[in-house]
Amino acid sequence: MAKAPPIITLLTDFGTRDGYVGVMKGVILGILPDAQLVDITHEVNPQDLHQAALILSDVYRYFPPSTVHLVVVDPGVGSQRQPIALETARGRFIAPDNGVLTHVCMAEETCHAVALTDSAYWLPTPSRTFHGRDIFSPAAAHLAKGVPLDDLGTPIEELVLLKLPPLSITPDSIQGEVIRVDHFGNVLTNILPLHWEDEATLVFEPSEGDQAGTPLRMAADSTMVTFGWQNLTGIHHSYSEVEVGQRLALVGSGGELEIAINQGDAQTTLSINVGDPVTLYFKPAVP
């Protein structure tokens, strides 16, 4: 049976109008011609580390664990920030050490990182402004080709992590905020993870605070989601549970509380943006 080609994903804020992504792919294929290149997105908002980190956390676990994920959202290019490689049980990563791997580090039990200090795995004479081409892409190709992670550079113990907005949890409420708006205008919050225990019961499993590790069970139809001067009653399973053009709260595909409009743009219509507070009020479900 033929060996599957190595997979390298690409996630950047470069857009597709210029040749930046294309030249990165050219560097990779020059080193590893049989690489299977997968574009996650190149439409991250410029320099938006939080958005890139969230997108990465949504997708990496669905790829084979041998995949190399190349992430270049790098507002500090040319500064003292380090280029790094990270290895986990569910994937390997090449990225700047600027917090873009925060959610990966939080989700994975074991993380081994090195700084990309061995210039043998870079392009010759790298520029100060395009490490995506000159350092990150060749390192990703060599890693996918079979070069051991530790050969790429020197081990590092601590990575830079983004400061994440905290949740405020009481016996009958969870207060968070909007952390991302997707292409459709759906509004995603940091109230997660939520999952359905059955058709009527939601479970929230906090990972921080006094309630960490203690699941909170709630009756979905008696919840209320408030933001600004608006509120939504009940949490739904899907957009189609309300009429076209109607507002709703639901559990998104990543287990987050989501605010949406069926076939509409919730961000624009409801004037809600990243950083705005959102509160989920609930009644504990009866066992």
C-alpha atoms as a PDB file:
ATOM      1  CA  MET A   1       0.000   0.000   0.000  1.00  0.00           C
ATOM      2  CA  ALA A   2       1.413   3.378  -1.021  1.00  0.00           C
ATOM      3  CA  LYS A   3       2.402   5.703   1.769  1.00  0.00           C
ATOM      4  CA  ALA A   4       0.126   8.707   2.123  1.00  0.00           C
ATOM      5  CA  PRO A   5       1.783  12.018   1.205  1.00  0.00           C
ATOM      6  CA  PRO A   6       2.710  14.242   4.159  1.00  0.00           C
ATOM      7  CA  ILE A   7       0.123  16.910   4.951  1.00  0.00           C
ATOM      8  CA  ILE A   8       0.999  20.539   5.631  1.00  0.00           C
ATOM      9  CA  THR A   9      -1.765  23.030   6.387  1.00  0.00           C
ATOM     10  CA  LEU A  10      -1.397  26.771   5.970  1.00  0.00           C
ATOM     11  CA  LEU A  11      -3.133  29.463   8.032  1.00  0.00           C
ATOM     12  CA  THR A  12      -2.163  33.101   7.501  1.00  0.00           C
ATOM     13  CA  ASP A  13      -3.418  36.677   7.382  1.00  0.00           C
ATOM     14  CA  PHE A  14      -1.817  37.264   3.967  1.00  0.00           C
ATOM     15  CA  GLY A  15      -4.969  37.211   1.850  1.00  0.00           C
ATOM     16  CA  THR A  16      -4.799  35.871  -1.709  1.00  0.00           C
ATOM     17  CA  ARG A  17      -4.290  39.044  -3.745  1.00  0.00           C
ATOM     18  CA  ASP A  18      -0.505  39.022  -3.385  1.00  0.00           C
ATOM     19  CA  GLY A  19       1.973  36.245  -3.992  1.00  0.00           C
ATOM     20  CA  TYR A  20       2.931  35.631  -0.360  1.00  0.00           C
ATOM     21  CA  VAL A  21       1.044  32.347   0.054  1.00  0.00           C
ATOM     22  CA  GLY A  22       2.133  31.131  -3.364  1.00  0.00           C
ATOM     23  CA  VAL A  23       5.827  31.622  -2.676  1.00  0.00           C
ATOM     24  CA  MET A  24       5.512  29.828   0.672  1.00  0.00           C
ATOM     25  CA  LYS A  25       3.986  26.860  -1.158  1.00  0.00           C
ATOM     26  CA  GLY A  26       6.803  27.005  -3.698  1.00  0.00           C
ATOM     27  CA  VAL A  27       9.416  26.818  -0.930  1.00  0.00           C
ATOM     28  CA  ILE A  28       7.664  23.826   0.645  1.00  0.00           C
ATOM     29  CA  LEU A  29       7.311  21.942  -2.648  1.00  0.00           C
ATOM     30  CA  GLY A  30      10.928  22.636  -3.528  1.00  0.00           C
ATOM     31  CA  ILE A  31      11.943  20.714  -0.396  1.00  0.00           C
ATOM     32  CA  LEU A  32       9.091  18.198  -0.287  1.00  0.00           C
ATOM     33  CA  PRO A  33       7.564  17.768  -3.767  1.00  0.00           C
ATOM     34  CA  ASP A  34       4.939  15.243  -2.679  1.00  0.00           C
ATOM     35  CA  ALA A  35       3.543  17.396   0.148  1.00  0.00           C
ATOM     36  CA  GLN A  36      -0.225  17.681   0.290  1.00  0.00           C
ATOM     37  CA  LEU A  37      -0.903  21.356   0.993  1.00  0.00           C
ATOM     38  CA  VAL A  38      -4.204  22.318   2.621  1.00  0.00           C
ATOM     39  CA  ASP A  39      -5.288  25.946   2.937  1.00  0.00           C
ATOM     40  CA  ILE A  40      -7.138  26.497   6.223  1.00  0.00           C
ATOM     41  CA  THR A  41      -7.608  30.204   5.525  1.00  0.00           C
ATOM     42  CA  HIS A  42      -5.574  33.212   4.485  1.00  0.00           C
ATOM     43  CA  GLU A  43      -8.294  35.678   5.475  1.00  0.00           C
ATOM     44  CA  VAL A  44      -7.458  36.120   9.162  1.00  0.00           C
ATOM     45  CA  ASN A  45      -7.859  39.784  10.027  1.00  0.00           C
ATOM     46  CA  PRO A  46      -4.405  41.398   9.731  1.00  0.00           C
ATOM     47  CA  GLN A  47      -2.298  40.731  12.857  1.00  0.00           C
ATOM     48  CA  ASP A  48      -5.299  39.241  14.703  1.00  0.00           C
ATOM     49  CA  LEU A  49      -3.640  36.617  16.888  1.00  0.00           C
ATOM     50  CA  HIS A  50      -6.817  35.805  18.811  1.00  0.00           C
ATOM     51  CA  GLN A  51      -8.767  35.051  15.651  1.00  0.00           C
ATOM     52  CA  ALA A  52      -5.964  32.910  14.226  1.00  0.00           C
ATOM     53  CA  ALA A  53      -5.597  30.980  17.485  1.00  0.00           C
ATOM     54  CA  LEU A  54      -9.334  30.253  17.581  1.00  0.00           C
ATOM     55  CA  ILE A  55      -9.503  29.141  13.954  1.00  0.00           C
ATOM     56  CA  LEU A  56      -6.538  26.838  14.492  1.00  0.00           C
ATOM     57  CA  SER A  57      -8.127  25.329  17.605  1.00  0.00           C
ATOM     58  CA  ASP A  58     -11.305  24.617  15.639  1.00  0.00           C
ATOM     59  CA  VAL A  59      -9.585  22.629  12.889  1.00  0.00           C
ATOM     60  CA  TYR A  60      -6.285  20.997  13.846  1.00  0.00           C
ATOM     61  CA  ARG A  61      -7.727  18.027  15.733  1.00  0.00           C
ATOM     62  CA  TYR A  62      -9.596  16.850  12.615  1.00  0.00           C
ATOM     63  CA  PHE A  63      -6.354  16.212  10.732  1.00  0.00           C
ATOM     64  CA  PRO A  64      -4.111  13.135  11.087  1.00  0.00           C
ATOM     65  CA  PRO A  65      -1.688  13.555  14.017  1.00  0.00           C
ATOM     66  CA  SER A  66       1.278  13.488  11.635  1.00  0.00           C
ATOM     67  CA  THR A  67       0.087  16.735  10.017  1.00  0.00           C
ATOM     68  CA  VAL A  68       2.293  19.811  10.175  1.00  0.00           C
ATOM     69  CA  HIS A  69       0.289  22.995  10.711  1.00  0.00           C
ATOM     70  CA  LEU A  70       2.055  26.106   9.428  1.00  0.00           C
ATOM     71  CA  VAL A  71       0.677  29.277  11.040  1.00  0.00           C
ATOM     72  CA  VAL A  72       1.981  32.676   9.966  1.00  0.00           C
ATOM     73  CA  VAL A  73       0.192  35.540  11.673  1.00  0.00           C
ATOM     74  CA  ASP A  74       3.230  37.438  12.763  1.00  0.00           C
ATOM     75  CA  PRO A  75       2.959  41.116  13.719  1.00  0.00           C
ATOM     76  CA  GLY A  76       6.320  40.850  15.488  1.00  0.00           C
ATOM     77  CA  VAL A  77       8.315  39.637  12.482  1.00  0.00           C
ATOM     78  CA  GLY A  78      11.893  40.890  12.721  1.00  0.00           C
ATOM     79  CA  SER A  79      11.667  41.467  16.479  1.00  0.00           C
ATOM     80  CA  GLN A  80      12.964  39.329  19.331  1.00  0.00           C
ATOM     81  CA  ARG A  81       9.996  36.922  19.165  1.00  0.00           C
ATOM     82  CA  GLN A  82      11.156  33.410  18.370  1.00  0.00           C
ATOM     83  CA  PRO A  83      10.078  31.167  15.508  1.00  0.00           C
ATOM     84  CA  ILE A  84       9.132  27.801  17.026  1.00  0.00           C
ATOM     85  CA  ALA A  85       8.081  24.239  16.322  1.00  0.00           C
ATOM     86  CA  LEU A  86       5.649  22.440  18.625  1.00  0.00           C
ATOM     87  CA  GLU A  87       4.845  18.744  18.827  1.00  0.00           C
ATOM     88  CA  THR A  88       1.700  17.298  20.438  1.00  0.00           C
ATOM     89  CA  ALA A  89      -0.161  13.999  20.310  1.00  0.00           C
ATOM     90  CA  ARG A  90      -2.595  15.463  17.771  1.00  0.00           C
ATOM     91  CA  GLY A  91      -0.372  17.437  15.469  1.00  0.00           C
ATOM     92  CA  ARG A  92       2.818  19.375  14.893  1.00  0.00           C
ATOM     93  CA  PHE A  93       3.020  23.128  14.472  1.00  0.00           C
ATOM     94  CA  ILE A  94       5.353  25.729  13.005  1.00  0.00           C
ATOM     95  CA  ALA A  95       4.578  29.287  14.098  1.00  0.00           C
ATOM     96  CA  PRO A  96       5.915  32.426  15.739  1.00  0.00           C
ATOM     97  CA  ASP A  97       6.017  32.335  19.532  1.00  0.00           C
ATOM     98  CA  ASN A  98       3.439  35.086  19.940  1.00  0.00           C
ATOM     99  CA  GLY A  99       0.446  33.299  21.441  1.00  0.00           C
ATOM    100  CA  VAL A 100      -1.069  31.979  18.229  1.00  0.00           C
ATOM    101  CA  LEU A 101      -0.713  28.427  19.628  1.00  0.00           C
ATOM    102  CA  THR A 102      -2.420  29.287  22.940  1.00  0.00           C
ATOM    103  CA  HIS A 103      -5.509  27.118  22.503  1.00  0.00           C
ATOM    104  CA  VAL A 104      -3.460  24.176  21.254  1.00  0.00           C
ATOM    105  CA  CYS A 105      -1.232  24.347  24.327  1.00  0.00           C
ATOM    106  CA  MET A 106      -4.266  24.560  26.605  1.00  0.00           C
ATOM    107  CA  ALA A 107      -6.001  21.595  24.957  1.00  0.00           C
ATOM    108  CA  GLU A 108      -3.068  19.193  24.697  1.00  0.00           C
ATOM    109  CA  GLU A 109      -1.694  17.296  27.685  1.00  0.00           C
ATOM    110  CA  THR A 110       1.821  17.080  26.296  1.00  0.00           C
ATOM    111  CA  CYS A 111       3.579  19.797  24.296  1.00  0.00           C
ATOM    112  CA  HIS A 112       7.237  19.781  23.303  1.00  0.00           C
ATOM    113  CA  ALA A 113       8.618  22.943  21.721  1.00  0.00           C
ATOM    114  CA  VAL A 114      11.889  24.070  20.182  1.00  0.00           C
ATOM    115  CA  ALA A 115      13.056  27.425  18.895  1.00  0.00           C
ATOM    116  CA  LEU A 116      13.954  27.255  15.195  1.00  0.00           C
ATOM    117  CA  THR A 117      17.598  28.153  15.728  1.00  0.00           C
ATOM    118  CA  ASP A 118      19.307  25.802  13.257  1.00  0.00           C
ATOM    119  CA  SER A 119      19.705  27.824  10.063  1.00  0.00           C
ATOM    120  CA  ALA A 120      20.447  24.646   8.099  1.00  0.00           C
ATOM    121  CA  TYR A 121      16.660  24.274   7.888  1.00  0.00           C
ATOM    122  CA  TRP A 122      16.034  27.858   6.694  1.00  0.00           C
ATOM    123  CA  LEU A 123      16.470  29.417   3.285  1.00  0.00           C
ATOM    124  CA  PRO A 124      19.868  31.087   2.832  1.00  0.00           C
ATOM    125  CA  THR A 125      20.102  34.742   3.955  1.00  0.00           C
ATOM    126  CA  PRO A 126      16.560  35.119   5.332  1.00  0.00           C
ATOM    127  CA  SER A 127      14.940  38.529   5.154  1.00  0.00           C
ATOM    128  CA  ARG A 128      13.862  40.419   8.261  1.00  0.00           C
ATOM    129  CA  THR A 129      10.292  40.869   7.044  1.00  0.00           C
ATOM    130  CA  PHE A 130       9.207  37.556   5.498  1.00  0.00           C
ATOM    131  CA  HIS A 131      10.017  34.728   7.876  1.00  0.00           C
ATOM    132  CA  GLY A 132       6.963  32.896   6.527  1.00  0.00           C
ATOM    133  CA  ARG A 133       8.896  32.258   3.346  1.00  0.00           C
ATOM    134  CA  ASP A 134      12.444  32.083   4.662  1.00  0.00           C
ATOM    135  CA  ILE A 135      12.160  30.279   8.021  1.00  0.00           C
ATOM    136  CA  PHE A 136       8.684  28.903   8.707  1.00  0.00           C
ATOM    137  CA  SER A 137       7.996  27.275   5.312  1.00  0.00           C
ATOM    138  CA  PRO A 138      11.324  25.434   4.994  1.00  0.00           C
ATOM    139  CA  ALA A 139      11.122  24.299   8.621  1.00  0.00           C
ATOM    140  CA  ALA A 140       7.612  22.951   8.038  1.00  0.00           C
ATOM    141  CA  ALA A 141       8.752  21.104   4.932  1.00  0.00           C
ATOM    142  CA  HIS A 142      11.755  19.535   6.674  1.00  0.00           C
ATOM    143  CA  LEU A 143       9.611  18.513   9.655  1.00  0.00           C
ATOM    144  CA  ALA A 144       7.022  16.895   7.385  1.00  0.00           C
ATOM    145  CA  LYS A 145       9.833  15.246   5.439  1.00  0.00           C
ATOM    146  CA  GLY A 146      10.963  13.427   8.572  1.00  0.00           C
ATOM    147  CA  VAL A 147      13.530  15.649  10.266  1.00  0.00           C
ATOM    148  CA  PRO A 148      13.099  15.171  14.050  1.00  0.00           C
ATOM    149  CA  LEU A 149      11.697  18.164  15.869  1.00  0.00           C
ATOM    150  CA  ASP A 150      14.740  18.459  18.138  1.00  0.00           C
ATOM    151  CA  ASP A 151      17.028  18.777  15.114  1.00  0.00           C
ATOM    152  CA  LEU A 152      15.338  22.037  14.146  1.00  0.00           C
ATOM    153  CA  GLY A 153      16.602  23.951  17.161  1.00  0.00           C
ATOM    154  CA  THR A 154      16.912  24.270  20.908  1.00  0.00           C
ATOM    155  CA  PRO A 155      14.233  23.205  23.423  1.00  0.00           C
ATOM    156  CA  ILE A 156      12.165  25.889  25.135  1.00  0.00           C
ATOM    157  CA  GLU A 157      10.158  25.407  28.313  1.00  0.00           C
ATOM    158  CA  GLU A 158       7.562  28.186  28.172  1.00  0.00           C
ATOM    159  CA  LEU A 159       5.624  29.578  25.259  1.00  0.00           C
ATOM    160  CA  VAL A 160       3.979  32.972  24.990  1.00  0.00           C
ATOM    161  CA  LEU A 161       0.251  32.637  25.703  1.00  0.00           C
ATOM    162  CA  LEU A 162      -2.507  35.076  24.881  1.00  0.00           C
ATOM    163  CA  LYS A 163      -4.444  36.608  27.738  1.00  0.00           C
ATOM    164  CA  LEU A 164      -7.929  35.156  27.383  1.00  0.00           C
ATOM    165  CA  PRO A 165     -11.102  36.853  28.600  1.00  0.00           C
ATOM    166  CA  PRO A 166     -12.261  35.185  31.840  1.00  0.00           C
ATOM    167  CA  LEU A 167     -15.709  33.788  32.528  1.00  0.00           C
ATOM    168  CA  SER A 168     -17.710  34.889  35.563  1.00  0.00           C
ATOM    169  CA  ILE A 169     -19.725  31.928  36.837  1.00  0.00           C
ATOM    170  CA  THR A 170     -22.445  31.972  39.502  1.00  0.00           C
ATOM    171  CA  PRO A 171     -24.989  29.274  40.443  1.00  0.00           C
ATOM    172  CA  ASP A 172     -27.435  30.678  37.871  1.00  0.00           C
ATOM    173  CA  SER A 173     -25.403  32.617  35.294  1.00  0.00           C
ATOM    174  CA  ILE A 174     -22.311  32.557  33.118  1.00  0.00           C
ATOM    175  CA  GLN A 175     -20.912  35.854  31.883  1.00  0.00           C
ATOM    176  CA  GLY A 176     -18.473  35.914  29.008  1.00  0.00           C
ATOM    177  CA  GLU A 177     -17.948  37.909  25.845  1.00  0.00           C
ATOM    178  CA  VAL A 178     -17.906  37.780  22.080  1.00  0.00           C
ATOM    179  CA  ILE A 179     -14.591  36.428  20.846  1.00  0.00           C
ATOM    180  CA  ARG A 180     -15.178  35.935  17.115  1.00  0.00           C
ATOM    181  CA  VAL A 181     -17.579  36.687  14.280  1.00  0.00           C
ATOM    182  CA  ASP A 182     -17.549  34.273  11.350  1.00  0.00           C
ATOM    183  CA  HIS A 183     -18.018  34.903   7.620  1.00  0.00           C
ATOM    184  CA  PHE A 184     -21.797  34.624   7.926  1.00  0.00           C
ATOM    185  CA  GLY A 185     -22.039  37.158  10.748  1.00  0.00           C
ATOM    186  CA  ASN A 186     -22.648  34.481  13.376  1.00  0.00           C
ATOM    187  CA  VAL A 187     -21.417  35.687  16.770  1.00  0.00           C
ATOM    188  CA  LEU A 188     -19.296  33.235  18.783  1.00  0.00           C
ATOM    189  CA  THR A 189     -18.661  33.616  22.514  1.00  0.00           C
ATOM    190  CA  ASN A 190     -16.215  32.208  25.030  1.00  0.00           C
ATOM    191  CA  ILE A 191     -19.045  30.512  26.947  1.00  0.00           C
ATOM    192  CA  LEU A 192     -17.875  26.970  26.261  1.00  0.00           C
ATOM    193  CA  PRO A 193     -17.758  24.026  26.245  1.00  0.00           C
ATOM    194  CA  LEU A 194     -21.451  23.267  26.050  1.00  0.00           C
ATOM    195  CA  HIS A 195     -22.907  19.951  24.951  1.00  0.00           C
ATOM    196  CA  TRP A 196     -26.324  18.362  24.768  1.00  0.00           C
ATOM    197  CA  GLU A 197     -27.011  15.667  27.350  1.00  0.00           C
ATOM    198  CA  ASP A 198     -30.389  15.050  25.725  1.00  0.00           C
ATOM    199  CA  GLU A 199     -32.825  17.057  23.605  1.00  0.00           C
ATOM    200  CA  ALA A 200     -33.760  19.366  26.487  1.00  0.00           C
ATOM    201  CA  THR A 201     -30.692  19.440  28.735  1.00  0.00           C
ATOM    202  CA  LEU A 202     -27.426  21.291  28.228  1.00  0.00           C
ATOM    203  CA  VAL A 203     -24.223  20.665  30.150  1.00  0.00           C
ATOM    204  CA  PHE A 204     -21.537  23.295  30.705  1.00  0.00           C
ATOM    205  CA  GLU A 205     -18.151  22.058  31.941  1.00  0.00           C
ATOM    206  CA  PRO A 206     -16.079  24.954  33.322  1.00  0.00           C
ATOM    207  CA  SER A 207     -12.320  24.557  33.177  1.00  0.00           C
ATOM    208  CA  GLU A 208     -11.478  27.421  35.537  1.00  0.00           C
ATOM    209  CA  GLY A 209     -12.629  29.051  38.756  1.00  0.00           C
ATOM    210  CA  ASP A 210     -14.243  27.489  41.814  1.00  0.00           C
ATOM    211  CA  GLN A 211     -16.570  25.413  39.634  1.00  0.00           C
ATOM    212  CA  ALA A 212     -13.792  23.909  37.514  1.00  0.00           C
ATOM    213  CA  GLY A 213     -14.443  20.248  36.839  1.00  0.00           C
ATOM    214  CA  THR A 214     -18.039  20.409  38.100  1.00  0.00           C
ATOM    215  CA  PRO A 215     -20.550  20.107  35.227  1.00  0.00           C
ATOM    216  CA  LEU A 216     -23.502  22.501  35.313  1.00  0.00           C
ATOM    217  CA  ARG A 217     -26.703  20.997  33.895  1.00  0.00           C
ATOM    218  CA  MET A 218     -29.358  23.403  32.635  1.00  0.00           C
ATOM    219  CA  ALA A 219     -32.783  23.221  31.050  1.00  0.00           C
ATOM    220  CA  ALA A 220     -32.273  24.707  27.588  1.00  0.00           C
ATOM    221  CA  ASP A 221     -35.762  26.120  27.144  1.00  0.00           C
ATOM    222  CA  SER A 222     -35.608  28.129  30.389  1.00  0.00           C
ATOM    223  CA  THR A 223     -32.303  29.850  29.638  1.00  0.00           C
ATOM    224  CA  MET A 224     -31.965  33.491  28.684  1.00  0.00           C
ATOM    225  CA  VAL A 225     -29.060  35.029  26.778  1.00  0.00           C
ATOM    226  CA  THR A 226     -28.560  38.779  27.208  1.00  0.00           C
ATOM    227  CA  PHE A 227     -26.296  41.200  25.344  1.00  0.00           C
ATOM    228  CA  GLY A 228     -26.607  44.951  25.277  1.00  0.00           C
ATOM    229  CA  TRP A 229     -30.311  45.771  25.649  1.00  0.00           C
ATOM    230  CA  GLN A 230     -31.384  42.535  23.999  1.00  0.00           C
ATOM    231  CA  ASN A 231     -32.203  39.063  25.201  1.00  0.00           C
ATOM    232  CA  LEU A 232     -32.976  35.676  23.690  1.00  0.00           C
ATOM    233  CA  THR A 233     -35.005  32.981  25.424  1.00  0.00           C
ATOM    234  CA  GLY A 234     -33.949  29.359  25.045  1.00  0.00           C
ATOM    235  CA  ILE A 235     -30.961  27.717  23.395  1.00  0.00           C
ATOM    236  CA  HIS A 236     -31.507  25.835  20.131  1.00  0.00           C
ATOM    237  CA  HIS A 237     -29.888  22.914  18.366  1.00  0.00           C
ATOM    238  CA  SER A 238     -29.777  24.453  14.872  1.00  0.00           C
ATOM    239  CA  TYR A 239     -30.579  27.594  12.875  1.00  0.00           C
ATOM    240  CA  SER A 240     -33.620  25.992  11.224  1.00  0.00           C
ATOM    241  CA  GLU A 241     -35.479  25.744  14.543  1.00  0.00           C
ATOM    242  CA  VAL A 242     -36.587  29.362  14.040  1.00  0.00           C
ATOM    243  CA  GLU A 243     -38.091  31.147  11.043  1.00  0.00           C
ATOM    244  CA  VAL A 244     -35.845  32.748   8.432  1.00  0.00           C
ATOM    245  CA  GLY A 245     -34.772  36.156   9.701  1.00  0.00           C
ATOM    246  CA  GLN A 246     -35.395  35.303  13.352  1.00  0.00           C
ATOM    247  CA  ARG A 247     -32.763  35.664  16.100  1.00  0.00           C
ATOM    248  CA  LEU A 248     -31.621  32.701  18.157  1.00  0.00           C
ATOM    249  CA  ALA A 249     -28.998  31.396  20.564  1.00  0.00           C
ATOM    250  CA  LEU A 250     -27.587  27.947  19.867  1.00  0.00           C
ATOM    251  CA  VAL A 251     -24.644  25.675  20.569  1.00  0.00           C
ATOM    252  CA  GLY A 252     -22.086  26.203  17.804  1.00  0.00           C
ATOM    253  CA  SER A 253     -20.041  23.494  16.115  1.00  0.00           C
ATOM    254  CA  GLY A 254     -17.163  24.114  18.534  1.00  0.00           C
ATOM    255  CA  GLY A 255     -19.364  23.801  21.618  1.00  0.00           C
ATOM    256  CA  GLU A 256     -19.578  27.559  22.142  1.00  0.00           C
ATOM    257  CA  LEU A 257     -22.655  29.650  22.847  1.00  0.00           C
ATOM    258  CA  GLU A 258     -23.493  31.290  19.529  1.00  0.00           C
ATOM    259  CA  ILE A 259     -25.833  34.152  18.659  1.00  0.00           C
ATOM    260  CA  ALA A 260     -27.196  34.058  15.130  1.00  0.00           C
ATOM    261  CA  ILE A 261     -29.986  34.976  12.738  1.00  0.00           C
ATOM    262  CA  ASN A 262     -31.367  32.209  10.538  1.00  0.00           C
ATOM    263  CA  GLN A 263     -30.001  33.058   7.069  1.00  0.00           C
ATOM    264  CA  GLY A 264     -28.971  36.509   8.279  1.00  0.00           C
ATOM    265  CA  ASP A 265     -26.045  38.524   9.640  1.00  0.00           C
ATOM    266  CA  ALA A 266     -26.330  38.693  13.429  1.00  0.00           C
ATOM    267  CA  GLN A 267     -23.354  40.993  13.949  1.00  0.00           C
ATOM    268  CA  THR A 268     -24.693  43.717  11.675  1.00  0.00           C
ATOM    269  CA  THR A 269     -28.367  43.357  12.550  1.00  0.00           C
ATOM    270  CA  LEU A 270     -27.869  43.162  16.302  1.00  0.00           C
ATOM    271  CA  SER A 271     -24.902  45.582  16.482  1.00  0.00           C
ATOM    272  CA  ILE A 272     -22.807  43.143  18.514  1.00  0.00           C
ATOM    273  CA  ASN A 273     -19.028  42.981  18.203  1.00  0.00           C
ATOM    274  CA  VAL A 274     -15.942  41.243  19.518  1.00  0.00           C
ATOM    275  CA  GLY A 275     -15.414  42.136  23.170  1.00  0.00           C
ATOM    276  CA  ASP A 276     -19.072  42.833  23.925  1.00  0.00           C
ATOM    277  CA  PRO A 277     -20.333  41.122  27.117  1.00  0.00           C
ATOM    278  CA  VAL A 278     -22.794  38.227  26.877  1.00  0.00           C
ATOM    279  CA  THR A 279     -24.538  36.574  29.825  1.00  0.00           C
ATOM    280  CA  LEU A 280     -26.268  33.217  29.917  1.00  0.00           C
ATOM    281  CA  TYR A 281     -28.874  32.904  32.701  1.00  0.00           C
ATOM    282  CA  PHE A 282     -30.087  29.394  33.478  1.00  0.00           C
ATOM    283  CA  LYS A 283     -32.046  27.206  35.850  1.00  0.00           C
ATOM    284  CA  PRO A 284     -30.348  23.983  36.958  1.00  0.00           C
ATOM    285  CA  ALA A 285     -31.905  20.992  35.238  1.00  0.00           C
ATOM    286  CA  VAL A 286     -33.795  18.551  37.428  1.00  0.00           C
ATOM    287  CA  PRO A 287     -31.961  15.190  37.411  1.00  0.00           C
END
